[in-house]
Amino acid sequence: MLLKSQTIGENPTNDSSQIGPLGILDSSEVKLPKKAGEWAYCSKTKNAIKVHLVLSNDNGALHPEQFVLSTAAYADHELTDYLMNIKSLTYVMDRGYLNYSHFTIYTCKINTFKDKKVNLAGE
């Protein structure tokens, strides 16, 4: 995967068909009012939920593939097992979702994924 992504980066005329459809994984936090959001307690000053979303670009169209709702108290990396389960997607995520202790499991369980961190393979 890293060799494929480096090759694609060196030759911008290549398209994403070399690495398959992308699964873009990200979250958005929605803050809730203090009283009405007590059920989503996160800290003394914040009640919030997070929407974790996987967007897929199958056939050139971007569409939601799956999502998970959580309270904001959950770290992004705690939900990767629920979100990274479609083998045909190449996952693109920020480093908040990457748990290095699960790195080997992800690479065996799914085909490929890409993190924004440049030295992902320890280069």
PDB file of N, CA and C in Angstrom:
ATOM      1  N   MET A   1       0.824  -1.196   0.000  1.00  0.00           N
ATOM      2  CA  MET A   1       0.000   0.000   0.000  1.00  0.00           C
ATOM      3  C   MET A   1       0.861   1.250   0.000  1.00  0.00           C
ATOM      4  N   LEU A   2       1.888   1.270   0.848  1.00  0.00           N
ATOM      5  CA  LEU A   2       2.725   2.463   0.895  1.00  0.00           C
ATOM      6  C   LEU A   2       3.429   2.682  -0.433  1.00  0.00           C
ATOM      7  N   LEU A   3       3.878   1.592  -1.064  1.00  0.00           N
ATOM      8  CA  LEU A   3       4.520   1.739  -2.369  1.00  0.00           C
ATOM      9  C   LEU A   3       3.530   2.244  -3.403  1.00  0.00           C
ATOM     10  N   LYS A   4       2.297   1.725  -3.365  1.00  0.00           N
ATOM     11  CA  LYS A   4       1.271   2.189  -4.303  1.00  0.00           C
ATOM     12  C   LYS A   4       0.997   3.669  -4.101  1.00  0.00           C
ATOM     13  N   SER A   5       0.848   4.095  -2.844  1.00  0.00           N
ATOM     14  CA  SER A   5       0.522   5.499  -2.595  1.00  0.00           C
ATOM     15  C   SER A   5       1.674   6.406  -2.992  1.00  0.00           C
ATOM     16  N   GLN A   6       2.921   5.952  -2.802  1.00  0.00           N
ATOM     17  CA  GLN A   6       4.063   6.763  -3.220  1.00  0.00           C
ATOM     18  C   GLN A   6       4.099   6.885  -4.736  1.00  0.00           C
ATOM     19  N   THR A   7       3.807   5.792  -5.438  1.00  0.00           N
ATOM     20  CA  THR A   7       3.791   5.812  -6.899  1.00  0.00           C
ATOM     21  C   THR A   7       2.725   6.761  -7.415  1.00  0.00           C
ATOM     22  N   ILE A   8       1.550   6.706  -6.826  1.00  0.00           N
ATOM     23  CA  ILE A   8       0.460   7.584  -7.246  1.00  0.00           C
ATOM     24  C   ILE A   8       0.825   9.037  -6.974  1.00  0.00           C
ATOM     25  N   GLY A   9       1.466   9.300  -5.821  1.00  0.00           N
ATOM     26  CA  GLY A   9       1.869  10.658  -5.491  1.00  0.00           C
ATOM     27  C   GLY A   9       2.907  11.214  -6.441  1.00  0.00           C
ATOM     28  N   GLU A  10       3.783  10.350  -6.957  1.00  0.00           N
ATOM     29  CA  GLU A  10       4.819  10.797  -7.880  1.00  0.00           C
ATOM     30  C   GLU A  10       4.267  11.080  -9.265  1.00  0.00           C
ATOM     31  N   ASN A  11       3.172  10.425  -9.623  1.00  0.00           N
ATOM     32  CA  ASN A  11       2.599  10.588 -10.956  1.00  0.00           C
ATOM     33  C   ASN A  11       1.141  11.021 -10.817  1.00  0.00           C
ATOM     34  N   PRO A  12       0.879  12.326 -10.773  1.00  0.00           N
ATOM     35  CA  PRO A  12      -0.476  12.807 -10.519  1.00  0.00           C
ATOM     36  C   PRO A  12      -1.486  12.454 -11.602  1.00  0.00           C
ATOM     37  N   THR A  13      -1.041  11.932 -12.745  1.00  0.00           N
ATOM     38  CA  THR A  13      -2.001  11.552 -13.784  1.00  0.00           C
ATOM     39  C   THR A  13      -2.673  10.226 -13.464  1.00  0.00           C
ATOM     40  N   ASN A  14      -2.113   9.452 -12.519  1.00  0.00           N
ATOM     41  CA  ASN A  14      -2.760   8.206 -12.099  1.00  0.00           C
ATOM     42  C   ASN A  14      -4.046   8.529 -11.365  1.00  0.00           C
ATOM     43  N   ASP A  15      -5.005   7.614 -11.416  1.00  0.00           N
ATOM     44  CA  ASP A  15      -6.250   7.850 -10.688  1.00  0.00           C
ATOM     45  C   ASP A  15      -6.352   6.895  -9.507  1.00  0.00           C
ATOM     46  N   SER A  16      -7.394   7.055  -8.704  1.00  0.00           N
ATOM     47  CA  SER A  16      -7.543   6.266  -7.488  1.00  0.00           C
ATOM     48  C   SER A  16      -7.938   4.825  -7.758  1.00  0.00           C
ATOM     49  N   SER A  17      -8.164   4.442  -9.014  1.00  0.00           N
ATOM     50  CA  SER A  17      -8.530   3.058  -9.299  1.00  0.00           C
ATOM     51  C   SER A  17      -7.397   2.102  -8.949  1.00  0.00           C
ATOM     52  N   GLN A  18      -6.178   2.608  -8.820  1.00  0.00           N
ATOM     53  CA  GLN A  18      -5.056   1.757  -8.442  1.00  0.00           C
ATOM     54  C   GLN A  18      -5.139   1.314  -6.989  1.00  0.00           C
ATOM     55  N   ILE A  19      -5.790   2.073  -6.159  1.00  0.00           N
ATOM     56  CA  ILE A  19      -5.904   1.695  -4.750  1.00  0.00           C
ATOM     57  C   ILE A  19      -7.339   1.380  -4.356  1.00  0.00           C
ATOM     58  N   GLY A  20      -8.263   1.458  -5.264  1.00  0.00           N
ATOM     59  CA  GLY A  20      -9.654   1.113  -4.984  1.00  0.00           C
ATOM     60  C   GLY A  20     -10.443   2.279  -4.435  1.00  0.00           C
ATOM     61  N   PRO A  21     -11.711   2.023  -4.128  1.00  0.00           N
ATOM     62  CA  PRO A  21     -12.552   3.092  -3.581  1.00  0.00           C
ATOM     63  C   PRO A  21     -12.068   3.511  -2.195  1.00  0.00           C
ATOM     64  N   LEU A  22     -12.194   4.796  -1.911  1.00  0.00           N
ATOM     65  CA  LEU A  22     -11.750   5.334  -0.630  1.00  0.00           C
ATOM     66  C   LEU A  22     -12.873   5.324   0.387  1.00  0.00           C
ATOM     67  N   GLY A  23     -12.511   5.085   1.632  1.00  0.00           N
ATOM     68  CA  GLY A  23     -13.412   5.233   2.766  1.00  0.00           C
ATOM     69  C   GLY A  23     -12.861   6.342   3.635  1.00  0.00           C
ATOM     70  N   ILE A  24     -13.457   7.508   3.588  1.00  0.00           N
ATOM     71  CA  ILE A  24     -12.971   8.668   4.332  1.00  0.00           C
ATOM     72  C   ILE A  24     -13.619   8.649   5.709  1.00  0.00           C
ATOM     73  N   LEU A  25     -12.801   8.545   6.737  1.00  0.00           N
ATOM     74  CA  LEU A  25     -13.270   8.371   8.108  1.00  0.00           C
ATOM     75  C   LEU A  25     -12.968   9.628   8.911  1.00  0.00           C
ATOM     76  N   ASP A  26     -14.017  10.239   9.475  1.00  0.00           N
ATOM     77  CA  ASP A  26     -13.827  11.441  10.279  1.00  0.00           C
ATOM     78  C   ASP A  26     -14.997  11.591  11.240  1.00  0.00           C
ATOM     79  N   SER A  27     -14.838  12.487  12.205  1.00  0.00           N
ATOM     80  CA  SER A  27     -15.916  12.725  13.166  1.00  0.00           C
ATOM     81  C   SER A  27     -16.187  14.215  13.295  1.00  0.00           C
ATOM     82  N   SER A  28     -17.401  14.517  13.703  1.00  0.00           N
ATOM     83  CA  SER A  28     -17.802  15.893  13.994  1.00  0.00           C
ATOM     84  C   SER A  28     -18.437  15.908  15.369  1.00  0.00           C
ATOM     85  N   GLU A  29     -18.107  16.916  16.139  1.00  0.00           N
ATOM     86  CA  GLU A  29     -18.656  17.043  17.484  1.00  0.00           C
ATOM     87  C   GLU A  29     -19.813  18.028  17.474  1.00  0.00           C
ATOM     88  N   VAL A  30     -20.895  17.648  18.134  1.00  0.00           N
ATOM     89  CA  VAL A  30     -22.077  18.502  18.242  1.00  0.00           C
ATOM     90  C   VAL A  30     -22.276  18.817  19.720  1.00  0.00           C
ATOM     91  N   LYS A  31     -22.080  20.085  20.089  1.00  0.00           N
ATOM     92  CA  LYS A  31     -22.263  20.489  21.487  1.00  0.00           C
ATOM     93  C   LYS A  31     -23.749  20.634  21.785  1.00  0.00           C
ATOM     94  N   LEU A  32     -24.126  20.235  22.980  1.00  0.00           N
ATOM     95  CA  LEU A  32     -25.524  20.271  23.402  1.00  0.00           C
ATOM     96  C   LEU A  32     -25.698  21.265  24.543  1.00  0.00           C
ATOM     97  N   PRO A  33     -26.914  21.800  24.702  1.00  0.00           N
ATOM     98  CA  PRO A  33     -27.168  22.722  25.813  1.00  0.00           C
ATOM     99  C   PRO A  33     -26.934  22.030  27.157  1.00  0.00           C
ATOM    100  N   LYS A  34     -26.541  22.805  28.140  1.00  0.00           N
ATOM    101  CA  LYS A  34     -26.153  22.244  29.435  1.00  0.00           C
ATOM    102  C   LYS A  34     -27.242  21.372  30.051  1.00  0.00           C
ATOM    103  N   LYS A  35     -28.439  21.853  30.136  1.00  0.00           N
ATOM    104  CA  LYS A  35     -29.509  21.098  30.801  1.00  0.00           C
ATOM    105  C   LYS A  35     -30.042  19.976  29.911  1.00  0.00           C
ATOM    106  N   ALA A  36     -30.332  20.287  28.659  1.00  0.00           N
ATOM    107  CA  ALA A  36     -30.899  19.283  27.753  1.00  0.00           C
ATOM    108  C   ALA A  36     -29.879  18.213  27.371  1.00  0.00           C
ATOM    109  N   GLY A  37     -28.598  18.509  27.513  1.00  0.00           N
ATOM    110  CA  GLY A  37     -27.572  17.561  27.109  1.00  0.00           C
ATOM    111  C   GLY A  37     -26.909  16.827  28.254  1.00  0.00           C
ATOM    112  N   GLU A  38     -27.557  16.800  29.415  1.00  0.00           N
ATOM    113  CA  GLU A  38     -26.962  16.120  30.565  1.00  0.00           C
ATOM    114  C   GLU A  38     -26.671  14.649  30.285  1.00  0.00           C
ATOM    115  N   TRP A  39     -27.477  14.016  29.448  1.00  0.00           N
ATOM    116  CA  TRP A  39     -27.285  12.600  29.122  1.00  0.00           C
ATOM    117  C   TRP A  39     -25.996  12.365  28.338  1.00  0.00           C
ATOM    118  N   ALA A  40     -25.454  13.418  27.714  1.00  0.00           N
ATOM    119  CA  ALA A  40     -24.223  13.305  26.927  1.00  0.00           C
ATOM    120  C   ALA A  40     -23.066  14.000  27.643  1.00  0.00           C
ATOM    121  N   TYR A  41     -23.041  13.904  28.967  1.00  0.00           N
ATOM    122  CA  TYR A  41     -22.018  14.557  29.781  1.00  0.00           C
ATOM    123  C   TYR A  41     -20.623  14.125  29.343  1.00  0.00           C
ATOM    124  N   CYS A  42     -19.741  15.101  29.190  1.00  0.00           N
ATOM    125  CA  CYS A  42     -18.350  14.826  28.819  1.00  0.00           C
ATOM    126  C   CYS A  42     -17.390  15.409  29.857  1.00  0.00           C
ATOM    127  N   SER A  43     -17.640  16.643  30.262  1.00  0.00           N
ATOM    128  CA  SER A  43     -16.831  17.292  31.294  1.00  0.00           C
ATOM    129  C   SER A  43     -17.696  18.351  31.980  1.00  0.00           C
ATOM    130  N   LYS A  44     -17.124  19.039  32.975  1.00  0.00           N
ATOM    131  CA  LYS A  44     -17.902  20.058  33.679  1.00  0.00           C
ATOM    132  C   LYS A  44     -18.414  21.143  32.753  1.00  0.00           C
ATOM    133  N   THR A  45     -17.690  21.413  31.702  1.00  0.00           N
ATOM    134  CA  THR A  45     -18.058  22.515  30.814  1.00  0.00           C
ATOM    135  C   THR A  45     -18.631  22.069  29.471  1.00  0.00           C
ATOM    136  N   LYS A  46     -18.755  20.751  29.259  1.00  0.00           N
ATOM    137  CA  LYS A  46     -19.175  20.311  27.928  1.00  0.00           C
ATOM    138  C   LYS A  46     -20.080  19.083  27.979  1.00  0.00           C
ATOM    139  N   ASN A  47     -21.209  19.192  27.292  1.00  0.00           N
ATOM    140  CA  ASN A  47     -22.084  18.065  26.977  1.00  0.00           C
ATOM    141  C   ASN A  47     -22.122  17.991  25.458  1.00  0.00           C
ATOM    142  N   ALA A  48     -21.725  16.852  24.900  1.00  0.00           N
ATOM    143  CA  ALA A  48     -21.642  16.773  23.439  1.00  0.00           C
ATOM    144  C   ALA A  48     -21.729  15.330  22.959  1.00  0.00           C
ATOM    145  N   ILE A  49     -22.068  15.205  21.681  1.00  0.00           N
ATOM    146  CA  ILE A  49     -22.027  13.910  21.010  1.00  0.00           C
ATOM    147  C   ILE A  49     -21.061  14.016  19.832  1.00  0.00           C
ATOM    148  N   LYS A  50     -20.625  12.868  19.331  1.00  0.00           N
ATOM    149  CA  LYS A  50     -19.794  12.828  18.129  1.00  0.00           C
ATOM    150  C   LYS A  50     -20.494  11.970  17.089  1.00  0.00           C
ATOM    151  N   VAL A  51     -20.416  12.416  15.854  1.00  0.00           N
ATOM    152  CA  VAL A  51     -20.902  11.641  14.720  1.00  0.00           C
ATOM    153  C   VAL A  51     -19.659  11.174  13.969  1.00  0.00           C
ATOM    154  N   HIS A  52     -19.390   9.872  14.020  1.00  0.00           N
ATOM    155  CA  HIS A  52     -18.259   9.270  13.309  1.00  0.00           C
ATOM    156  C   HIS A  52     -18.809   8.744  11.994  1.00  0.00           C
ATOM    157  N   LEU A  53     -18.232   9.181  10.880  1.00  0.00           N
ATOM    158  CA  LEU A  53     -18.803   8.898   9.571  1.00  0.00           C
ATOM    159  C   LEU A  53     -17.749   8.337   8.621  1.00  0.00           C
ATOM    160  N   VAL A  54     -18.155   7.334   7.841  1.00  0.00           N
ATOM    161  CA  VAL A  54     -17.323   6.818   6.754  1.00  0.00           C
ATOM    162  C   VAL A  54     -18.005   7.205   5.454  1.00  0.00           C
ATOM    163  N   LEU A  55     -17.328   8.033   4.660  1.00  0.00           N
ATOM    164  CA  LEU A  55     -17.817   8.404   3.334  1.00  0.00           C
ATOM    165  C   LEU A  55     -17.090   7.556   2.303  1.00  0.00           C
ATOM    166  N   SER A  56     -17.821   7.045   1.329  1.00  0.00           N
ATOM    167  CA  SER A  56     -17.236   6.225   0.276  1.00  0.00           C
ATOM    168  C   SER A  56     -17.366   6.949  -1.054  1.00  0.00           C
ATOM    169  N   ASN A  57     -16.420   6.721  -1.950  1.00  0.00           N
ATOM    170  CA  ASN A  57     -16.466   7.378  -3.257  1.00  0.00           C
ATOM    171  C   ASN A  57     -16.674   6.364  -4.384  1.00  0.00           C
ATOM    172  N   ASP A  58     -17.514   5.382  -4.181  1.00  0.00           N
ATOM    173  CA  ASP A  58     -17.800   4.390  -5.218  1.00  0.00           C
ATOM    174  C   ASP A  58     -18.367   5.049  -6.466  1.00  0.00           C
ATOM    175  N   ASN A  59     -17.883   4.642  -7.612  1.00  0.00           N
ATOM    176  CA  ASN A  59     -18.366   5.119  -8.916  1.00  0.00           C
ATOM    177  C   ASN A  59     -18.317   6.636  -9.061  1.00  0.00           C
ATOM    178  N   GLY A  60     -17.377   7.286  -8.397  1.00  0.00           N
ATOM    179  CA  GLY A  60     -17.206   8.720  -8.539  1.00  0.00           C
ATOM    180  C   GLY A  60     -18.178   9.567  -7.737  1.00  0.00           C
ATOM    181  N   ALA A  61     -19.122   8.939  -7.040  1.00  0.00           N
ATOM    182  CA  ALA A  61     -20.087   9.685  -6.227  1.00  0.00           C
ATOM    183  C   ALA A  61     -19.759   9.483  -4.750  1.00  0.00           C
ATOM    184  N   LEU A  62     -19.759  10.558  -3.997  1.00  0.00           N
ATOM    185  CA  LEU A  62     -19.479  10.497  -2.568  1.00  0.00           C
ATOM    186  C   LEU A  62     -20.780  10.256  -1.814  1.00  0.00           C
ATOM    187  N   HIS A  63     -20.806   9.215  -0.983  1.00  0.00           N
ATOM    188  CA  HIS A  63     -22.012   8.915  -0.213  1.00  0.00           C
ATOM    189  C   HIS A  63     -21.627   8.334   1.143  1.00  0.00           C
ATOM    190  N   PRO A  64     -22.496   8.502   2.154  1.00  0.00           N
ATOM    191  CA  PRO A  64     -22.204   7.931   3.472  1.00  0.00           C
ATOM    192  C   PRO A  64     -22.306   6.412   3.424  1.00  0.00           C
ATOM    193  N   GLU A  65     -21.293   5.745   3.903  1.00  0.00           N
ATOM    194  CA  GLU A  65     -21.258   4.282   3.919  1.00  0.00           C
ATOM    195  C   GLU A  65     -21.776   3.752   5.250  1.00  0.00           C
ATOM    196  N   GLN A  66     -21.319   4.344   6.351  1.00  0.00           N
ATOM    197  CA  GLN A  66     -21.789   3.959   7.678  1.00  0.00           C
ATOM    198  C   GLN A  66     -21.458   5.069   8.671  1.00  0.00           C
ATOM    199  N   PHE A  67     -22.128   5.030   9.826  1.00  0.00           N
ATOM    200  CA  PHE A  67     -21.843   6.014  10.863  1.00  0.00           C
ATOM    201  C   PHE A  67     -22.096   5.405  12.231  1.00  0.00           C
ATOM    202  N   VAL A  68     -21.457   5.995  13.238  1.00  0.00           N
ATOM    203  CA  VAL A  68     -21.636   5.600  14.631  1.00  0.00           C
ATOM    204  C   VAL A  68     -21.800   6.882  15.432  1.00  0.00           C
ATOM    205  N   LEU A  69     -22.766   6.902  16.320  1.00  0.00           N
ATOM    206  CA  LEU A  69     -22.955   8.027  17.236  1.00  0.00           C
ATOM    207  C   LEU A  69     -22.369   7.646  18.589  1.00  0.00           C
ATOM    208  N   SER A  70     -21.702   8.592  19.237  1.00  0.00           N
ATOM    209  CA  SER A  70     -21.160   8.352  20.572  1.00  0.00           C
ATOM    210  C   SER A  70     -21.201   9.659  21.352  1.00  0.00           C
ATOM    211  N   THR A  71     -20.983   9.556  22.647  1.00  0.00           N
ATOM    212  CA  THR A  71     -20.796  10.782  23.408  1.00  0.00           C
ATOM    213  C   THR A  71     -19.388  11.285  23.107  1.00  0.00           C
ATOM    214  N   ALA A  72     -19.146  12.547  23.362  1.00  0.00           N
ATOM    215  CA  ALA A  72     -17.838  13.133  23.053  1.00  0.00           C
ATOM    216  C   ALA A  72     -16.741  12.578  23.954  1.00  0.00           C
ATOM    217  N   ALA A  73     -17.114  11.875  25.010  1.00  0.00           N
ATOM    218  CA  ALA A  73     -16.122  11.303  25.914  1.00  0.00           C
ATOM    219  C   ALA A  73     -15.338  10.164  25.266  1.00  0.00           C
ATOM    220  N   TYR A  74     -15.875   9.556  24.209  1.00  0.00           N
ATOM    221  CA  TYR A  74     -15.170   8.477  23.516  1.00  0.00           C
ATOM    222  C   TYR A  74     -14.098   9.056  22.600  1.00  0.00           C
ATOM    223  N   ALA A  75     -12.907   8.502  22.686  1.00  0.00           N
ATOM    224  CA  ALA A  75     -11.834   8.896  21.765  1.00  0.00           C
ATOM    225  C   ALA A  75     -12.094   8.256  20.408  1.00  0.00           C
ATOM    226  N   ASP A  76     -11.660   8.916  19.350  1.00  0.00           N
ATOM    227  CA  ASP A  76     -11.897   8.409  17.996  1.00  0.00           C
ATOM    228  C   ASP A  76     -11.356   6.997  17.806  1.00  0.00           C
ATOM    229  N   HIS A  77     -10.163   6.716  18.330  1.00  0.00           N
ATOM    230  CA  HIS A  77      -9.551   5.399  18.100  1.00  0.00           C
ATOM    231  C   HIS A  77     -10.326   4.262  18.766  1.00  0.00           C
ATOM    232  N   GLU A  78     -11.194   4.567  19.726  1.00  0.00           N
ATOM    233  CA  GLU A  78     -11.992   3.527  20.380  1.00  0.00           C
ATOM    234  C   GLU A  78     -13.085   2.973  19.469  1.00  0.00           C
ATOM    235  N   LEU A  79     -13.385   3.653  18.376  1.00  0.00           N
ATOM    236  CA  LEU A  79     -14.482   3.233  17.507  1.00  0.00           C
ATOM    237  C   LEU A  79     -14.029   2.679  16.161  1.00  0.00           C
ATOM    238  N   THR A  80     -12.737   2.554  15.943  1.00  0.00           N
ATOM    239  CA  THR A  80     -12.274   2.072  14.642  1.00  0.00           C
ATOM    240  C   THR A  80     -12.734   0.652  14.347  1.00  0.00           C
ATOM    241  N   ASP A  81     -12.846  -0.185  15.364  1.00  0.00           N
ATOM    242  CA  ASP A  81     -13.300  -1.564  15.130  1.00  0.00           C
ATOM    243  C   ASP A  81     -14.709  -1.605  14.554  1.00  0.00           C
ATOM    244  N   TYR A  82     -15.526  -0.638  14.885  1.00  0.00           N
ATOM    245  CA  TYR A  82     -16.897  -0.587  14.372  1.00  0.00           C
ATOM    246  C   TYR A  82     -16.972   0.031  12.977  1.00  0.00           C
ATOM    247  N   LEU A  83     -15.989   0.848  12.638  1.00  0.00           N
ATOM    248  CA  LEU A  83     -16.056   1.612  11.391  1.00  0.00           C
ATOM    249  C   LEU A  83     -15.194   1.062  10.261  1.00  0.00           C
ATOM    250  N   MET A  84     -14.160   0.336  10.580  1.00  0.00           N
ATOM    251  CA  MET A  84     -13.241  -0.151   9.541  1.00  0.00           C
ATOM    252  C   MET A  84     -13.490  -1.633   9.268  1.00  0.00           C
ATOM    253  N   ASN A  85     -14.616  -1.950   8.683  1.00  0.00           N
ATOM    254  CA  ASN A  85     -14.943  -3.357   8.468  1.00  0.00           C
ATOM    255  C   ASN A  85     -15.340  -3.686   7.035  1.00  0.00           C
ATOM    256  N   ILE A  86     -15.157  -2.781   6.111  1.00  0.00           N
ATOM    257  CA  ILE A  86     -15.474  -3.037   4.704  1.00  0.00           C
ATOM    258  C   ILE A  86     -14.154  -3.265   3.975  1.00  0.00           C
ATOM    259  N   LYS A  87     -13.913  -4.500   3.562  1.00  0.00           N
ATOM    260  CA  LYS A  87     -12.610  -4.867   2.999  1.00  0.00           C
ATOM    261  C   LYS A  87     -12.296  -4.186   1.674  1.00  0.00           C
ATOM    262  N   SER A  88     -13.294  -3.792   0.928  1.00  0.00           N
ATOM    263  CA  SER A  88     -13.035  -3.229  -0.403  1.00  0.00           C
ATOM    264  C   SER A  88     -12.584  -1.770  -0.361  1.00  0.00           C
ATOM    265  N   LEU A  89     -12.671  -1.107   0.791  1.00  0.00           N
ATOM    266  CA  LEU A  89     -12.316   0.310   0.890  1.00  0.00           C
ATOM    267  C   LEU A  89     -10.871   0.503   1.334  1.00  0.00           C
ATOM    268  N   THR A  90     -10.243   1.543   0.826  1.00  0.00           N
ATOM    269  CA  THR A  90      -8.963   2.015   1.333  1.00  0.00           C
ATOM    270  C   THR A  90      -9.288   3.175   2.264  1.00  0.00           C
ATOM    271  N   TYR A  91      -8.995   3.017   3.544  1.00  0.00           N
ATOM    272  CA  TYR A  91      -9.410   4.004   4.537  1.00  0.00           C
ATOM    273  C   TYR A  91      -8.431   5.168   4.618  1.00  0.00           C
ATOM    274  N   VAL A  92      -8.988   6.374   4.661  1.00  0.00           N
ATOM    275  CA  VAL A  92      -8.230   7.607   4.843  1.00  0.00           C
ATOM    276  C   VAL A  92      -8.768   8.242   6.113  1.00  0.00           C
ATOM    277  N   MET A  93      -7.866   8.516   7.072  1.00  0.00           N
ATOM    278  CA  MET A  93      -8.313   9.034   8.370  1.00  0.00           C
ATOM    279  C   MET A  93      -7.250   9.944   8.947  1.00  0.00           C
ATOM    280  N   ASP A  94      -7.625  10.727   9.941  1.00  0.00           N
ATOM    281  CA  ASP A  94      -6.604  11.495  10.641  1.00  0.00           C
ATOM    282  C   ASP A  94      -6.019  10.611  11.742  1.00  0.00           C
ATOM    283  N   ARG A  95      -4.960  11.077  12.366  1.00  0.00           N
ATOM    284  CA  ARG A  95      -4.247  10.223  13.311  1.00  0.00           C
ATOM    285  C   ARG A  95      -5.025   9.941  14.589  1.00  0.00           C
ATOM    286  N   GLY A  96      -6.112  10.659  14.823  1.00  0.00           N
ATOM    287  CA  GLY A  96      -6.933  10.392  15.995  1.00  0.00           C
ATOM    288  C   GLY A  96      -7.561   9.010  15.977  1.00  0.00           C
ATOM    289  N   TYR A  97      -7.750   8.451  14.790  1.00  0.00           N
ATOM    290  CA  TYR A  97      -8.350   7.127  14.671  1.00  0.00           C
ATOM    291  C   TYR A  97      -7.334   6.001  14.734  1.00  0.00           C
ATOM    292  N   LEU A  98      -6.064   6.306  14.611  1.00  0.00           N
ATOM    293  CA  LEU A  98      -5.056   5.258  14.528  1.00  0.00           C
ATOM    294  C   LEU A  98      -4.573   4.851  15.913  1.00  0.00           C
ATOM    295  N   ASN A  99      -4.703   3.584  16.216  1.00  0.00           N
ATOM    296  CA  ASN A  99      -4.199   3.000  17.446  1.00  0.00           C
ATOM    297  C   ASN A  99      -3.085   2.047  17.017  1.00  0.00           C
ATOM    298  N   TYR A 100      -1.840   2.367  17.318  1.00  0.00           N
ATOM    299  CA  TYR A 100      -0.715   1.586  16.815  1.00  0.00           C
ATOM    300  C   TYR A 100      -0.739   0.142  17.299  1.00  0.00           C
ATOM    301  N   SER A 101      -1.347  -0.134  18.453  1.00  0.00           N
ATOM    302  CA  SER A 101      -1.421  -1.522  18.912  1.00  0.00           C
ATOM    303  C   SER A 101      -2.350  -2.354  18.033  1.00  0.00           C
ATOM    304  N   HIS A 102      -3.237  -1.693  17.290  1.00  0.00           N
ATOM    305  CA  HIS A 102      -4.137  -2.409  16.379  1.00  0.00           C
ATOM    306  C   HIS A 102      -3.685  -2.340  14.921  1.00  0.00           C
ATOM    307  N   PHE A 103      -2.554  -1.719  14.660  1.00  0.00           N
ATOM    308  CA  PHE A 103      -2.080  -1.517  13.286  1.00  0.00           C
ATOM    309  C   PHE A 103      -1.995  -2.834  12.516  1.00  0.00           C
ATOM    310  N   THR A 104      -1.378  -3.851  13.108  1.00  0.00           N
ATOM    311  CA  THR A 104      -1.232  -5.148  12.438  1.00  0.00           C
ATOM    312  C   THR A 104      -2.584  -5.797  12.204  1.00  0.00           C
ATOM    313  N   ILE A 105      -3.474  -5.686  13.167  1.00  0.00           N
ATOM    314  CA  ILE A 105      -4.808  -6.276  13.023  1.00  0.00           C
ATOM    315  C   ILE A 105      -5.540  -5.639  11.854  1.00  0.00           C
ATOM    316  N   TYR A 106      -5.473  -4.319  11.727  1.00  0.00           N
ATOM    317  CA  TYR A 106      -6.158  -3.641  10.632  1.00  0.00           C
ATOM    318  C   TYR A 106      -5.600  -4.059   9.283  1.00  0.00           C
ATOM    319  N   THR A 107      -4.277  -4.160   9.181  1.00  0.00           N
ATOM    320  CA  THR A 107      -3.691  -4.510   7.892  1.00  0.00           C
ATOM    321  C   THR A 107      -3.984  -5.946   7.503  1.00  0.00           C
ATOM    322  N   CYS A 108      -4.228  -6.815   8.472  1.00  0.00           N
ATOM    323  CA  CYS A 108      -4.601  -8.204   8.165  1.00  0.00           C
ATOM    324  C   CYS A 108      -6.100  -8.328   7.907  1.00  0.00           C
ATOM    325  N   LYS A 109      -6.896  -7.584   8.663  1.00  0.00           N
ATOM    326  CA  LYS A 109      -8.351  -7.693   8.584  1.00  0.00           C
ATOM    327  C   LYS A 109      -8.922  -7.015   7.346  1.00  0.00           C
ATOM    328  N   ILE A 110      -8.364  -5.886   6.981  1.00  0.00           N
ATOM    329  CA  ILE A 110      -8.853  -5.146   5.818  1.00  0.00           C
ATOM    330  C   ILE A 110      -7.724  -5.009   4.817  1.00  0.00           C
ATOM    331  N   ASN A 111      -8.045  -4.636   3.617  1.00  0.00           N
ATOM    332  CA  ASN A 111      -7.031  -4.556   2.569  1.00  0.00           C
ATOM    333  C   ASN A 111      -6.009  -3.463   2.835  1.00  0.00           C
ATOM    334  N   THR A 112      -6.451  -2.213   2.887  1.00  0.00           N
ATOM    335  CA  THR A 112      -5.508  -1.105   2.990  1.00  0.00           C
ATOM    336  C   THR A 112      -6.131   0.046   3.761  1.00  0.00           C
ATOM    337  N   PHE A 113      -5.283   0.872   4.331  1.00  0.00           N
ATOM    338  CA  PHE A 113      -5.741   2.134   4.890  1.00  0.00           C
ATOM    339  C   PHE A 113      -4.586   3.109   4.862  1.00  0.00           C
ATOM    340  N   LYS A 114      -4.907   4.383   4.916  1.00  0.00           N
ATOM    341  CA  LYS A 114      -3.896   5.429   4.829  1.00  0.00           C
ATOM    342  C   LYS A 114      -4.181   6.465   5.892  1.00  0.00           C
ATOM    343  N   ASP A 115      -3.176   6.800   6.646  1.00  0.00           N
ATOM    344  CA  ASP A 115      -3.264   7.806   7.689  1.00  0.00           C
ATOM    345  C   ASP A 115      -2.558   9.055   7.171  1.00  0.00           C
ATOM    346  N   LYS A 116      -2.938  10.230   7.652  1.00  0.00           N
ATOM    347  CA  LYS A 116      -2.288  11.456   7.198  1.00  0.00           C
ATOM    348  C   LYS A 116      -0.843  11.558   7.685  1.00  0.00           C
ATOM    349  N   LYS A 117      -0.486  10.768   8.683  1.00  0.00           N
ATOM    350  CA  LYS A 117       0.867  10.819   9.218  1.00  0.00           C
ATOM    351  C   LYS A 117       1.846  10.272   8.182  1.00  0.00           C
ATOM    352  N   VAL A 118       2.887  10.999   7.874  1.00  0.00           N
ATOM    353  CA  VAL A 118       3.795  10.645   6.784  1.00  0.00           C
ATOM    354  C   VAL A 118       4.613   9.398   7.108  1.00  0.00           C
ATOM    355  N   ASN A 119       5.140   9.287   8.318  1.00  0.00           N
ATOM    356  CA  ASN A 119       6.023   8.176   8.645  1.00  0.00           C
ATOM    357  C   ASN A 119       5.258   7.014   9.272  1.00  0.00           C
ATOM    358  N   LEU A 120       4.159   6.625   8.662  1.00  0.00           N
ATOM    359  CA  LEU A 120       3.287   5.583   9.183  1.00  0.00           C
ATOM    360  C   LEU A 120       4.014   4.258   9.348  1.00  0.00           C
ATOM    361  N   ALA A 121       4.892   3.913   8.437  1.00  0.00           N
ATOM    362  CA  ALA A 121       5.583   2.626   8.493  1.00  0.00           C
ATOM    363  C   ALA A 121       6.880   2.715   9.294  1.00  0.00           C
ATOM    364  N   GLY A 122       7.112   3.803   9.967  1.00  0.00           N
ATOM    365  CA  GLY A 122       8.306   3.959  10.780  1.00  0.00           C
ATOM    366  C   GLY A 122       9.551   4.279   9.967  1.00  0.00           C
ATOM    367  N   GLU A 123       9.352   4.850   8.809  1.00  0.00           N
ATOM    368  CA  GLU A 123      10.491   5.180   7.943  1.00  0.00           C
ATOM    369  C   GLU A 123      11.264   6.356   8.490  1.00  0.00           C
TER     370      GLU A 123
END
